[in-house]
Amino acid sequence: MLVALNGLCGEPSSVRFNIDVIDVDKDPALVADYDELVPVLLDTDGHMLCHYFLDSAKVREYLSAFR
């Protein structure tokens, strides 16, 4: 998922964004929330954008609000 996200960042119409990678297994609270959903992508407010696979359309939709 990280490689695909980096690809979105390089698109001409994309806004710049940072990616924070967090090891879910190191935090019991995160394991409780996301254990079976990893990898998971959250927005800046902690809402899930997608899990298992990158939903490019959903991420583009989310990023379009920042243009």
N, C-alpha and C. Protein backbone atom coordinates (compact mmCIF):
# COMPACT_ATOMS: atom_id res chain seq x y z
N MET A 1 0.83 -1.18 0.00
CA MET A 1 0.00 0.00 0.00
C MET A 1 0.88 1.25 0.00
N LEU A 2 1.98 1.22 0.70
CA LEU A 2 2.86 2.38 0.79
C LEU A 2 3.42 2.77 -0.58
N VAL A 3 3.81 1.81 -1.37
CA VAL A 3 4.34 2.09 -2.71
C VAL A 3 3.26 2.76 -3.56
N ALA A 4 2.05 2.25 -3.50
CA ALA A 4 0.95 2.83 -4.26
C ALA A 4 0.63 4.25 -3.79
N LEU A 5 0.71 4.49 -2.49
CA LEU A 5 0.49 5.85 -1.97
C LEU A 5 1.55 6.81 -2.47
N ASN A 6 2.78 6.37 -2.49
CA ASN A 6 3.85 7.22 -3.02
C ASN A 6 3.61 7.55 -4.48
N GLY A 7 3.03 6.62 -5.22
CA GLY A 7 2.68 6.88 -6.61
C GLY A 7 1.64 7.96 -6.74
N LEU A 8 0.65 7.98 -5.85
CA LEU A 8 -0.37 9.02 -5.87
C LEU A 8 0.24 10.39 -5.59
N CYS A 9 1.20 10.43 -4.72
CA CYS A 9 1.85 11.68 -4.36
C CYS A 9 2.54 12.31 -5.57
N GLY A 10 2.99 11.49 -6.49
CA GLY A 10 3.71 11.99 -7.66
C GLY A 10 2.82 12.38 -8.82
N GLU A 11 1.51 12.19 -8.70
CA GLU A 11 0.60 12.55 -9.78
C GLU A 11 0.54 14.07 -9.93
N PRO A 12 0.47 14.55 -11.17
CA PRO A 12 0.47 16.00 -11.41
C PRO A 12 -0.66 16.75 -10.69
N SER A 13 -1.82 16.14 -10.56
CA SER A 13 -2.96 16.83 -9.94
C SER A 13 -3.03 16.63 -8.43
N SER A 14 -2.09 15.91 -7.87
CA SER A 14 -2.13 15.58 -6.45
C SER A 14 -1.56 16.70 -5.59
N VAL A 15 -2.11 16.82 -4.40
CA VAL A 15 -1.53 17.69 -3.40
C VAL A 15 -0.42 16.92 -2.71
N ARG A 16 0.52 17.62 -2.13
CA ARG A 16 1.60 16.94 -1.40
C ARG A 16 1.06 16.46 -0.06
N PHE A 17 1.52 15.29 0.36
CA PHE A 17 1.09 14.77 1.65
C PHE A 17 2.20 13.94 2.26
N ASN A 18 2.14 13.77 3.56
CA ASN A 18 3.10 12.94 4.29
C ASN A 18 2.42 11.66 4.71
N ILE A 19 3.21 10.63 4.83
CA ILE A 19 2.72 9.32 5.26
C ILE A 19 3.45 8.95 6.55
N ASP A 20 2.70 8.67 7.59
CA ASP A 20 3.27 8.18 8.84
C ASP A 20 2.99 6.68 8.92
N VAL A 21 4.05 5.89 9.02
CA VAL A 21 3.90 4.44 9.13
C VAL A 21 3.98 4.08 10.61
N ILE A 22 2.97 3.38 11.09
CA ILE A 22 2.90 3.00 12.50
C ILE A 22 2.75 1.48 12.59
N ASP A 23 3.55 0.87 13.46
CA ASP A 23 3.46 -0.58 13.67
C ASP A 23 2.31 -0.86 14.63
N VAL A 24 1.21 -1.33 14.09
CA VAL A 24 0.01 -1.60 14.88
C VAL A 24 0.30 -2.59 16.00
N ASP A 25 1.16 -3.56 15.74
CA ASP A 25 1.44 -4.61 16.73
C ASP A 25 2.13 -4.11 17.99
N LYS A 26 2.66 -2.90 17.96
CA LYS A 26 3.37 -2.35 19.13
C LYS A 26 2.46 -1.58 20.08
N ASP A 27 1.19 -1.44 19.73
CA ASP A 27 0.25 -0.67 20.55
C ASP A 27 -1.03 -1.49 20.75
N PRO A 28 -1.28 -1.95 21.98
CA PRO A 28 -2.45 -2.78 22.24
C PRO A 28 -3.77 -2.13 21.80
N ALA A 29 -3.89 -0.82 21.93
CA ALA A 29 -5.12 -0.14 21.52
C ALA A 29 -5.31 -0.23 20.01
N LEU A 30 -4.21 -0.09 19.26
CA LEU A 30 -4.29 -0.20 17.80
C LEU A 30 -4.57 -1.63 17.38
N VAL A 31 -4.00 -2.59 18.08
CA VAL A 31 -4.28 -4.00 17.78
C VAL A 31 -5.77 -4.26 17.98
N ALA A 32 -6.34 -3.73 19.05
CA ALA A 32 -7.76 -3.93 19.33
C ALA A 32 -8.63 -3.34 18.21
N ASP A 33 -8.22 -2.21 17.66
CA ASP A 33 -9.00 -1.53 16.63
C ASP A 33 -8.78 -2.08 15.23
N TYR A 34 -7.52 -2.44 14.90
CA TYR A 34 -7.17 -2.70 13.49
C TYR A 34 -6.50 -4.04 13.22
N ASP A 35 -6.40 -4.90 14.19
CA ASP A 35 -5.63 -6.14 14.06
C ASP A 35 -5.88 -6.88 12.75
N GLU A 36 -7.09 -7.15 12.40
CA GLU A 36 -7.41 -7.92 11.20
C GLU A 36 -7.52 -7.05 9.94
N LEU A 37 -7.33 -5.74 10.07
CA LEU A 37 -7.51 -4.83 8.94
C LEU A 37 -6.19 -4.33 8.34
N VAL A 38 -5.09 -4.71 8.92
CA VAL A 38 -3.78 -4.22 8.48
C VAL A 38 -3.43 -4.78 7.11
N PRO A 39 -2.89 -3.98 6.21
CA PRO A 39 -2.61 -2.56 6.37
C PRO A 39 -3.88 -1.73 6.28
N VAL A 40 -3.87 -0.66 7.03
CA VAL A 40 -5.02 0.24 7.09
C VAL A 40 -4.54 1.66 6.85
N LEU A 41 -5.36 2.45 6.17
CA LEU A 41 -5.02 3.84 5.88
C LEU A 41 -6.06 4.73 6.54
N LEU A 42 -5.60 5.61 7.42
CA LEU A 42 -6.46 6.54 8.13
C LEU A 42 -6.22 7.95 7.63
N ASP A 43 -7.26 8.78 7.68
CA ASP A 43 -7.06 10.18 7.35
C ASP A 43 -6.52 10.91 8.58
N THR A 44 -6.33 12.20 8.47
CA THR A 44 -5.73 12.96 9.58
C THR A 44 -6.61 13.02 10.81
N ASP A 45 -7.91 12.72 10.66
CA ASP A 45 -8.82 12.70 11.80
C ASP A 45 -9.00 11.30 12.38
N GLY A 46 -8.30 10.33 11.81
CA GLY A 46 -8.38 8.96 12.29
C GLY A 46 -9.49 8.13 11.69
N HIS A 47 -10.14 8.64 10.65
CA HIS A 47 -11.18 7.89 9.96
C HIS A 47 -10.54 6.98 8.90
N MET A 48 -11.03 5.76 8.81
CA MET A 48 -10.46 4.80 7.87
C MET A 48 -10.83 5.15 6.43
N LEU A 49 -9.80 5.25 5.59
CA LEU A 49 -10.02 5.45 4.16
C LEU A 49 -10.10 4.11 3.44
N CYS A 50 -9.25 3.18 3.83
CA CYS A 50 -9.27 1.86 3.22
C CYS A 50 -8.41 0.91 4.05
N HIS A 51 -8.54 -0.37 3.76
CA HIS A 51 -7.70 -1.38 4.41
C HIS A 51 -7.46 -2.53 3.43
N TYR A 52 -6.47 -3.33 3.72
CA TYR A 52 -5.99 -4.43 2.88
C TYR A 52 -5.35 -3.92 1.58
N PHE A 53 -6.12 -3.19 0.79
CA PHE A 53 -5.64 -2.68 -0.50
C PHE A 53 -5.95 -1.20 -0.59
N LEU A 54 -5.13 -0.48 -1.33
CA LEU A 54 -5.33 0.94 -1.51
C LEU A 54 -6.55 1.19 -2.39
N ASP A 55 -7.46 2.01 -1.91
CA ASP A 55 -8.60 2.47 -2.69
C ASP A 55 -8.21 3.84 -3.25
N SER A 56 -7.59 3.83 -4.42
CA SER A 56 -7.06 5.07 -5.01
C SER A 56 -8.13 6.13 -5.19
N ALA A 57 -9.32 5.72 -5.61
CA ALA A 57 -10.41 6.68 -5.82
C ALA A 57 -10.78 7.36 -4.51
N LYS A 58 -10.86 6.60 -3.45
CA LYS A 58 -11.21 7.16 -2.13
C LYS A 58 -10.14 8.13 -1.65
N VAL A 59 -8.88 7.77 -1.85
CA VAL A 59 -7.78 8.64 -1.43
C VAL A 59 -7.76 9.92 -2.27
N ARG A 60 -7.95 9.80 -3.58
CA ARG A 60 -8.02 11.00 -4.43
C ARG A 60 -9.17 11.91 -4.02
N GLU A 61 -10.32 11.30 -3.71
CA GLU A 61 -11.48 12.08 -3.26
C GLU A 61 -11.13 12.84 -1.97
N TYR A 62 -10.50 12.14 -1.02
CA TYR A 62 -10.11 12.77 0.24
C TYR A 62 -9.12 13.91 -0.01
N LEU A 63 -8.11 13.67 -0.84
CA LEU A 63 -7.09 14.68 -1.11
C LEU A 63 -7.64 15.89 -1.89
N SER A 64 -8.69 15.68 -2.66
CA SER A 64 -9.25 16.78 -3.45
C SER A 64 -9.79 17.90 -2.58
N ALA A 65 -10.12 17.60 -1.35
CA ALA A 65 -10.61 18.62 -0.42
C ALA A 65 -9.51 19.61 -0.03
N PHE A 66 -8.26 19.27 -0.29
CA PHE A 66 -7.14 20.11 0.13
C PHE A 66 -6.56 20.95 -1.01
N ARG A 67 -7.15 20.90 -2.18
CA ARG A 67 -6.64 21.68 -3.31
C ARG A 67 -7.08 23.10 -3.23
